[in-house]
Amino acid sequence: MPRDYGPRCKKPVEPVVPDARPNAVRGHRVNGLTAWFHYGLGITIDQVINLLGDPLQTTPTAGGWIDSRRRMAIVPLAGYEQIAAEARGSAVLHADETGWRLNGQTCWLWCFANDQVCCCMIDRPRGSPALQAFFGDAFAGTLVHDFWAPCESIAAEDRQYGLVHLLREFEKVDLSNSSKPRPSFAKTARRLIRDGIRLRRRPDFTPQRYESRIRRIDARPQPRANGKDADGAPVYPDPDARRLAQRMRRHRDHRFTFLDKPEAPFENNLAERAIRPAVILRKNSPSNRSEPGAATQSVLMTLFRTLKLRGPDPIRTVTDALQFYVPTGEIPPLPAKTTANG
């Protein structure tokens, strides 16, 4: 490192080192690599320390590693806000949540994702307050989620309920009614849902081409799971069948949104796949011990997941951003999603 004598300050001076933050023990590349191991791949902190102990010829401590991640998360915080804003402005957005631990207390990790962004948020409430804190007053797009009631507190332009879990519940109801002489409630309901899915999977499907068939599916009678037949006998007395029938009636307007809007899928698999690395990490680690740790977790998981979706190398992108930040104090914008043909 070149060093000169400053005639005015009467002190030795040297240029800013762009490859590391001030007072840092390790450079941007190592910090980006270890952060990717933990927040991108779900490797535990102890495993990261053991993995890099011999190559670095040093013995990093868990506390030092956590502190370096906390300082690192301050830099891409603007990127996190950009990703969250893009998620709220998406035409289609998937939402899912999973349990999380914060200082030994139960809280929740929310994931909002599509093919462009993956935004994670750790919050204590599981209900509508957490969703309203993220979305604000409303969401001007199609929200894809399961049948968790607080999701309905968001005034979305449209919504699509994940039908895969519904079909699985129909199978359970079918098994519980297999010994009954009458056809099960699930058989009728499952046929209705699968007819819509088969129509959507046709290679030539467009809402305009199959408009009349979509109307016929929407107009088909609802499967009944309560009441009495002509002989006065109860129809489908199974309590699970009645519960699912009420769900079908209550959410009738949002079961087949994927037929009117092909960009919205009929399942919520994208959000479930996006949240899976956090679930794996939760099994191997105690989650977070403090509020700053949870904030760091949210920022870096969001950053690495989104970079992975958009195509560029996450480690190189984070390293270049840190190198740009040290001398300028600014963060470059996130790269746009790359396409297969460039």
Foldseek 3Di string as FASTA:
>chain_A
DDWDADPVVRHIDDDFDLQDFPPDPDGLLLLLVLLCVCLVQLDDLVVSQVVCCVVVVHRDDSVSNLVVLLVLLVLCPVQLVVLLVVLLQDQEKEKDKDWAAEQNDIWIWIWIDDLQFIFIDTDRDPAQVVVCVSNPAARAHEYEYAVPPRVVNHHYPAYAHACPVVLVLLVVQQVVCVPPPDHALSVVVVVLLVVLVVQLPPPPADCVVCVVVVVVSLPDDQRDQFDADPVRDTHNVDPSSNVSSVVCVVCSVRHNVCNNPVVDDNHNVVRVVLCVSVVSSVVVDNGHSHPSSSVSSRSSSRQSSSCVSQDDDSSVQSSVQSSVCNVPVHGDHDDGRDDPVD
